[in-house]
Amino acid sequence: MKIKTLILSKTLKNISSKWVALSPITTKVIAVGMTPKSVMQKAKKMGTNNPVLTRVPKNYGTYIL
């Protein structure tokens, strides 16, 4: 199985110290918030039940999900 590498620095550059929900198919940002629970609720309202959740660090650099 080949692992796909994604560069999200442009996508996440204006989001710091927050949680984000990404579409599992397109890696588009679906929701942003201060807690995983709030982000998950927003993502479900947008119609994505299984988003990829991650916290964006304060200084986004090399970060492996």
PDB file of N, CA and C in Angstrom:
ATOM      1  N   MET A   1       0.841  -1.174   0.000  1.00  0.00           N
ATOM      2  CA  MET A   1       0.000   0.000   0.000  1.00  0.00           C
ATOM      3  C   MET A   1       0.889   1.241   0.000  1.00  0.00           C
ATOM      4  N   LYS A   2       0.635   2.138  -0.928  1.00  0.00           N
ATOM      5  CA  LYS A   2       1.408   3.368  -1.015  1.00  0.00           C
ATOM      6  C   LYS A   2       0.736   4.453  -0.178  1.00  0.00           C
ATOM      7  N   ILE A   3       1.534   5.176   0.592  1.00  0.00           N
ATOM      8  CA  ILE A   3       1.019   6.257   1.426  1.00  0.00           C
ATOM      9  C   ILE A   3       1.103   7.556   0.642  1.00  0.00           C
ATOM     10  N   LYS A   4       0.007   8.301   0.627  1.00  0.00           N
ATOM     11  CA  LYS A   4      -0.048   9.564  -0.092  1.00  0.00           C
ATOM     12  C   LYS A   4       0.464  10.687   0.812  1.00  0.00           C
ATOM     13  N   THR A   5       1.361  11.505   0.281  1.00  0.00           N
ATOM     14  CA  THR A   5       1.903  12.638   1.021  1.00  0.00           C
ATOM     15  C   THR A   5       1.168  13.901   0.604  1.00  0.00           C
ATOM     16  N   LEU A   6       0.719  14.668   1.574  1.00  0.00           N
ATOM     17  CA  LEU A   6       0.011  15.914   1.289  1.00  0.00           C
ATOM     18  C   LEU A   6       0.745  17.081   1.927  1.00  0.00           C
ATOM     19  N   ILE A   7       0.850  18.164   1.193  1.00  0.00           N
ATOM     20  CA  ILE A   7       1.446  19.388   1.720  1.00  0.00           C
ATOM     21  C   ILE A   7       0.285  20.324   2.054  1.00  0.00           C
ATOM     22  N   LEU A   8       0.072  20.568   3.340  1.00  0.00           N
ATOM     23  CA  LEU A   8      -1.067  21.384   3.780  1.00  0.00           C
ATOM     24  C   LEU A   8      -0.658  22.772   4.265  1.00  0.00           C
ATOM     25  N   SER A   9       0.580  23.167   4.027  1.00  0.00           N
ATOM     26  CA  SER A   9       1.051  24.449   4.556  1.00  0.00           C
ATOM     27  C   SER A   9       0.254  25.624   4.015  1.00  0.00           C
ATOM     28  N   LYS A  10      -0.110  25.625   2.743  1.00  0.00           N
ATOM     29  CA  LYS A  10      -0.912  26.723   2.185  1.00  0.00           C
ATOM     30  C   LYS A  10      -2.333  26.689   2.732  1.00  0.00           C
ATOM     31  N   THR A  11      -2.872  25.509   2.887  1.00  0.00           N
ATOM     32  CA  THR A  11      -4.239  25.360   3.378  1.00  0.00           C
ATOM     33  C   THR A  11      -4.370  25.815   4.818  1.00  0.00           C
ATOM     34  N   LEU A  12      -3.373  25.532   5.642  1.00  0.00           N
ATOM     35  CA  LEU A  12      -3.463  25.794   7.079  1.00  0.00           C
ATOM     36  C   LEU A  12      -2.679  27.017   7.546  1.00  0.00           C
ATOM     37  N   LYS A  13      -2.110  27.800   6.621  1.00  0.00           N
ATOM     38  CA  LYS A  13      -1.218  28.885   7.033  1.00  0.00           C
ATOM     39  C   LYS A  13      -1.908  29.980   7.843  1.00  0.00           C
ATOM     40  N   ASN A  14      -3.190  30.229   7.642  1.00  0.00           N
ATOM     41  CA  ASN A  14      -3.902  31.276   8.378  1.00  0.00           C
ATOM     42  C   ASN A  14      -4.654  30.750   9.595  1.00  0.00           C
ATOM     43  N   ILE A  15      -4.448  29.486   9.906  1.00  0.00           N
ATOM     44  CA  ILE A  15      -5.109  28.870  11.057  1.00  0.00           C
ATOM     45  C   ILE A  15      -4.013  28.436  12.023  1.00  0.00           C
ATOM     46  N   SER A  16      -4.005  28.983  13.225  1.00  0.00           N
ATOM     47  CA  SER A  16      -2.997  28.538  14.190  1.00  0.00           C
ATOM     48  C   SER A  16      -3.633  28.348  15.555  1.00  0.00           C
ATOM     49  N   SER A  17      -3.130  27.363  16.267  1.00  0.00           N
ATOM     50  CA  SER A  17      -3.599  27.028  17.618  1.00  0.00           C
ATOM     51  C   SER A  17      -5.090  26.709  17.663  1.00  0.00           C
ATOM     52  N   LYS A  18      -5.607  26.128  16.585  1.00  0.00           N
ATOM     53  CA  LYS A  18      -7.021  25.744  16.536  1.00  0.00           C
ATOM     54  C   LYS A  18      -7.142  24.325  16.003  1.00  0.00           C
ATOM     55  N   TRP A  19      -8.308  23.761  16.213  1.00  0.00           N
ATOM     56  CA  TRP A  19      -8.634  22.449  15.670  1.00  0.00           C
ATOM     57  C   TRP A  19      -9.289  22.634  14.316  1.00  0.00           C
ATOM     58  N   VAL A  20      -9.007  21.728  13.385  1.00  0.00           N
ATOM     59  CA  VAL A  20      -9.620  21.778  12.067  1.00  0.00           C
ATOM     60  C   VAL A  20     -10.164  20.407  11.696  1.00  0.00           C
ATOM     61  N   ALA A  21     -11.215  20.440  10.891  1.00  0.00           N
ATOM     62  CA  ALA A  21     -11.765  19.222  10.302  1.00  0.00           C
ATOM     63  C   ALA A  21     -11.491  19.308   8.810  1.00  0.00           C
ATOM     64  N   LEU A  22     -10.858  18.284   8.279  1.00  0.00           N
ATOM     65  CA  LEU A  22     -10.547  18.219   6.858  1.00  0.00           C
ATOM     66  C   LEU A  22     -11.398  17.149   6.200  1.00  0.00           C
ATOM     67  N   SER A  23     -11.804  17.417   4.976  1.00  0.00           N
ATOM     68  CA  SER A  23     -12.516  16.402   4.214  1.00  0.00           C
ATOM     69  C   SER A  23     -11.569  15.234   3.961  1.00  0.00           C
ATOM     70  N   PRO A  24     -12.005  14.005   4.217  1.00  0.00           N
ATOM     71  CA  PRO A  24     -11.121  12.854   4.004  1.00  0.00           C
ATOM     72  C   PRO A  24     -10.826  12.598   2.527  1.00  0.00           C
ATOM     73  N   ILE A  25     -11.627  13.170   1.642  1.00  0.00           N
ATOM     74  CA  ILE A  25     -11.447  12.944   0.207  1.00  0.00           C
ATOM     75  C   ILE A  25     -10.620  14.047  -0.440  1.00  0.00           C
ATOM     76  N   THR A  26     -10.959  15.307  -0.142  1.00  0.00           N
ATOM     77  CA  THR A  26     -10.313  16.432  -0.820  1.00  0.00           C
ATOM     78  C   THR A  26      -9.309  17.183   0.039  1.00  0.00           C
ATOM     79  N   THR A  27      -9.240  16.931   1.313  1.00  0.00           N
ATOM     80  CA  THR A  27      -8.424  17.648   2.302  1.00  0.00           C
ATOM     81  C   THR A  27      -8.787  19.126   2.396  1.00  0.00           C
ATOM     82  N   LYS A  28      -9.976  19.468   1.966  1.00  0.00           N
ATOM     83  CA  LYS A  28     -10.479  20.836   2.114  1.00  0.00           C
ATOM     84  C   LYS A  28     -10.863  21.049   3.579  1.00  0.00           C
ATOM     85  N   VAL A  29     -10.602  22.253   4.102  1.00  0.00           N
ATOM     86  CA  VAL A  29     -10.978  22.578   5.471  1.00  0.00           C
ATOM     87  C   VAL A  29     -12.496  22.726   5.528  1.00  0.00           C
ATOM     88  N   ILE A  30     -13.135  21.929   6.385  1.00  0.00           N
ATOM     89  CA  ILE A  30     -14.587  21.947   6.530  1.00  0.00           C
ATOM     90  C   ILE A  30     -15.004  22.815   7.701  1.00  0.00           C
ATOM     91  N   ALA A  31     -14.251  22.735   8.800  1.00  0.00           N
ATOM     92  CA  ALA A  31     -14.613  23.469  10.015  1.00  0.00           C
ATOM     93  C   ALA A  31     -13.361  23.803  10.816  1.00  0.00           C
ATOM     94  N   VAL A  32     -13.450  24.907  11.564  1.00  0.00           N
ATOM     95  CA  VAL A  32     -12.352  25.362  12.422  1.00  0.00           C
ATOM     96  C   VAL A  32     -12.945  25.740  13.767  1.00  0.00           C
ATOM     97  N   GLY A  33     -12.258  25.413  14.855  1.00  0.00           N
ATOM     98  CA  GLY A  33     -12.745  25.777  16.177  1.00  0.00           C
ATOM     99  C   GLY A  33     -11.692  25.581  17.249  1.00  0.00           C
ATOM    100  N   MET A  34     -12.061  25.921  18.463  1.00  0.00           N
ATOM    101  CA  MET A  34     -11.127  25.840  19.583  1.00  0.00           C
ATOM    102  C   MET A  34     -11.085  24.461  20.242  1.00  0.00           C
ATOM    103  N   THR A  35     -12.137  23.641  20.031  1.00  0.00           N
ATOM    104  CA  THR A  35     -12.166  22.305  20.626  1.00  0.00           C
ATOM    105  C   THR A  35     -12.512  21.267  19.559  1.00  0.00           C
ATOM    106  N   PRO A  36     -12.054  20.031  19.744  1.00  0.00           N
ATOM    107  CA  PRO A  36     -12.405  18.984  18.788  1.00  0.00           C
ATOM    108  C   PRO A  36     -13.912  18.756  18.714  1.00  0.00           C
ATOM    109  N   LYS A  37     -14.590  18.872  19.855  1.00  0.00           N
ATOM    110  CA  LYS A  37     -16.034  18.649  19.888  1.00  0.00           C
ATOM    111  C   LYS A  37     -16.767  19.677  19.027  1.00  0.00           C
ATOM    112  N   SER A  38     -16.401  20.953  19.148  1.00  0.00           N
ATOM    113  CA  SER A  38     -17.079  21.989  18.361  1.00  0.00           C
ATOM    114  C   SER A  38     -16.802  21.823  16.870  1.00  0.00           C
ATOM    115  N   VAL A  39     -15.586  21.422  16.537  1.00  0.00           N
ATOM    116  CA  VAL A  39     -15.232  21.220  15.135  1.00  0.00           C
ATOM    117  C   VAL A  39     -15.995  20.031  14.559  1.00  0.00           C
ATOM    118  N   MET A  40     -16.112  18.960  15.327  1.00  0.00           N
ATOM    119  CA  MET A  40     -16.853  17.784  14.873  1.00  0.00           C
ATOM    120  C   MET A  40     -18.323  18.118  14.651  1.00  0.00           C
ATOM    121  N   GLN A  41     -18.913  18.892  15.555  1.00  0.00           N
ATOM    122  CA  GLN A  41     -20.312  19.294  15.403  1.00  0.00           C
ATOM    123  C   GLN A  41     -20.506  20.125  14.137  1.00  0.00           C
ATOM    124  N   LYS A  42     -19.603  21.062  13.878  1.00  0.00           N
ATOM    125  CA  LYS A  42     -19.688  21.891  12.671  1.00  0.00           C
ATOM    126  C   LYS A  42     -19.542  21.039  11.415  1.00  0.00           C
ATOM    127  N   ALA A  43     -18.618  20.091  11.440  1.00  0.00           N
ATOM    128  CA  ALA A  43     -18.400  19.221  10.283  1.00  0.00           C
ATOM    129  C   ALA A  43     -19.635  18.378   9.990  1.00  0.00           C
ATOM    130  N   LYS A  44     -20.271  17.858  11.036  1.00  0.00           N
ATOM    131  CA  LYS A  44     -21.489  17.067  10.847  1.00  0.00           C
ATOM    132  C   LYS A  44     -22.607  17.912  10.254  1.00  0.00           C
ATOM    133  N   LYS A  45     -22.706  19.181  10.683  1.00  0.00           N
ATOM    134  CA  LYS A  45     -23.711  20.088  10.114  1.00  0.00           C
ATOM    135  C   LYS A  45     -23.448  20.345   8.635  1.00  0.00           C
ATOM    136  N   MET A  46     -22.174  20.286   8.239  1.00  0.00           N
ATOM    137  CA  MET A  46     -21.798  20.492   6.839  1.00  0.00           C
ATOM    138  C   MET A  46     -21.971  19.215   6.012  1.00  0.00           C
ATOM    139  N   GLY A  47     -22.326  18.114   6.679  1.00  0.00           N
ATOM    140  CA  GLY A  47     -22.590  16.871   5.968  1.00  0.00           C
ATOM    141  C   GLY A  47     -21.432  15.882   5.931  1.00  0.00           C
ATOM    142  N   THR A  48     -20.381  16.139   6.691  1.00  0.00           N
ATOM    143  CA  THR A  48     -19.245  15.215   6.746  1.00  0.00           C
ATOM    144  C   THR A  48     -19.222  14.554   8.114  1.00  0.00           C
ATOM    145  N   ASN A  49     -19.558  13.272   8.149  1.00  0.00           N
ATOM    146  CA  ASN A  49     -19.645  12.555   9.420  1.00  0.00           C
ATOM    147  C   ASN A  49     -18.310  12.018   9.919  1.00  0.00           C
ATOM    148  N   ASN A  50     -17.359  11.818   9.026  1.00  0.00           N
ATOM    149  CA  ASN A  50     -16.064  11.252   9.412  1.00  0.00           C
ATOM    150  C   ASN A  50     -14.905  12.102   8.894  1.00  0.00           C
ATOM    151  N   PRO A  51     -14.784  13.336   9.365  1.00  0.00           N
ATOM    152  CA  PRO A  51     -13.678  14.174   8.901  1.00  0.00           C
ATOM    153  C   PRO A  51     -12.359  13.762   9.550  1.00  0.00           C
ATOM    154  N   VAL A  52     -11.283  14.263   8.993  1.00  0.00           N
ATOM    155  CA  VAL A  52      -9.968  14.102   9.606  1.00  0.00           C
ATOM    156  C   VAL A  52      -9.797  15.286  10.550  1.00  0.00           C
ATOM    157  N   LEU A  53      -9.664  15.017  11.853  1.00  0.00           N
ATOM    158  CA  LEU A  53      -9.491  16.081  12.844  1.00  0.00           C
ATOM    159  C   LEU A  53      -8.021  16.197  13.217  1.00  0.00           C
ATOM    160  N   THR A  54      -7.552  17.424  13.303  1.00  0.00           N
ATOM    161  CA  THR A  54      -6.189  17.666  13.753  1.00  0.00           C
ATOM    162  C   THR A  54      -6.097  19.051  14.358  1.00  0.00           C
ATOM    163  N   ARG A  55      -5.109  19.234  15.192  1.00  0.00           N
ATOM    164  CA  ARG A  55      -4.873  20.548  15.789  1.00  0.00           C
ATOM    165  C   ARG A  55      -3.695  21.176  15.067  1.00  0.00           C
ATOM    166  N   VAL A  56      -3.879  22.406  14.628  1.00  0.00           N
ATOM    167  CA  VAL A  56      -2.814  23.125  13.939  1.00  0.00           C
ATOM    168  C   VAL A  56      -1.936  23.784  14.999  1.00  0.00           C
ATOM    169  N   PRO A  57      -0.640  23.527  14.983  1.00  0.00           N
ATOM    170  CA  PRO A  57       0.234  24.129  15.987  1.00  0.00           C
ATOM    171  C   PRO A  57       0.364  25.638  15.792  1.00  0.00           C
ATOM    172  N   LYS A  58       0.845  26.314  16.817  1.00  0.00           N
ATOM    173  CA  LYS A  58       0.992  27.767  16.766  1.00  0.00           C
ATOM    174  C   LYS A  58       1.922  28.181  15.627  1.00  0.00           C
ATOM    175  N   ASN A  59       3.048  27.545  15.519  1.00  0.00           N
ATOM    176  CA  ASN A  59       3.998  27.839  14.442  1.00  0.00           C
ATOM    177  C   ASN A  59       4.003  26.660  13.487  1.00  0.00           C
ATOM    178  N   TYR A  60       3.199  26.741  12.445  1.00  0.00           N
ATOM    179  CA  TYR A  60       3.069  25.634  11.509  1.00  0.00           C
ATOM    180  C   TYR A  60       4.354  25.495  10.712  1.00  0.00           C
ATOM    181  N   GLY A  61       4.956  24.346  10.812  1.00  0.00           N
ATOM    182  CA  GLY A  61       6.167  24.030  10.054  1.00  0.00           C
ATOM    183  C   GLY A  61       6.025  22.598   9.594  1.00  0.00           C
ATOM    184  N   THR A  62       7.014  21.797   9.820  1.00  0.00           N
ATOM    185  CA  THR A  62       6.924  20.384   9.498  1.00  0.00           C
ATOM    186  C   THR A  62       6.083  19.705  10.565  1.00  0.00           C
ATOM    187  N   TYR A  63       5.013  19.088  10.135  1.00  0.00           N
ATOM    188  CA  TYR A  63       4.059  18.482  11.057  1.00  0.00           C
ATOM    189  C   TYR A  63       3.486  17.259  10.382  1.00  0.00           C
ATOM    190  N   ILE A  64       3.564  16.119  11.002  1.00  0.00           N
ATOM    191  CA  ILE A  64       3.082  14.879  10.413  1.00  0.00           C
ATOM    192  C   ILE A  64       1.784  14.480  11.085  1.00  0.00           C
ATOM    193  N   LEU A  65       0.739  14.270  10.277  1.00  0.00           N
ATOM    194  CA  LEU A  65      -0.562  13.849  10.807  1.00  0.00           C
ATOM    195  C   LEU A  65      -0.587  12.345  10.945  1.00  0.00           C
TER     196      LEU A  65
END
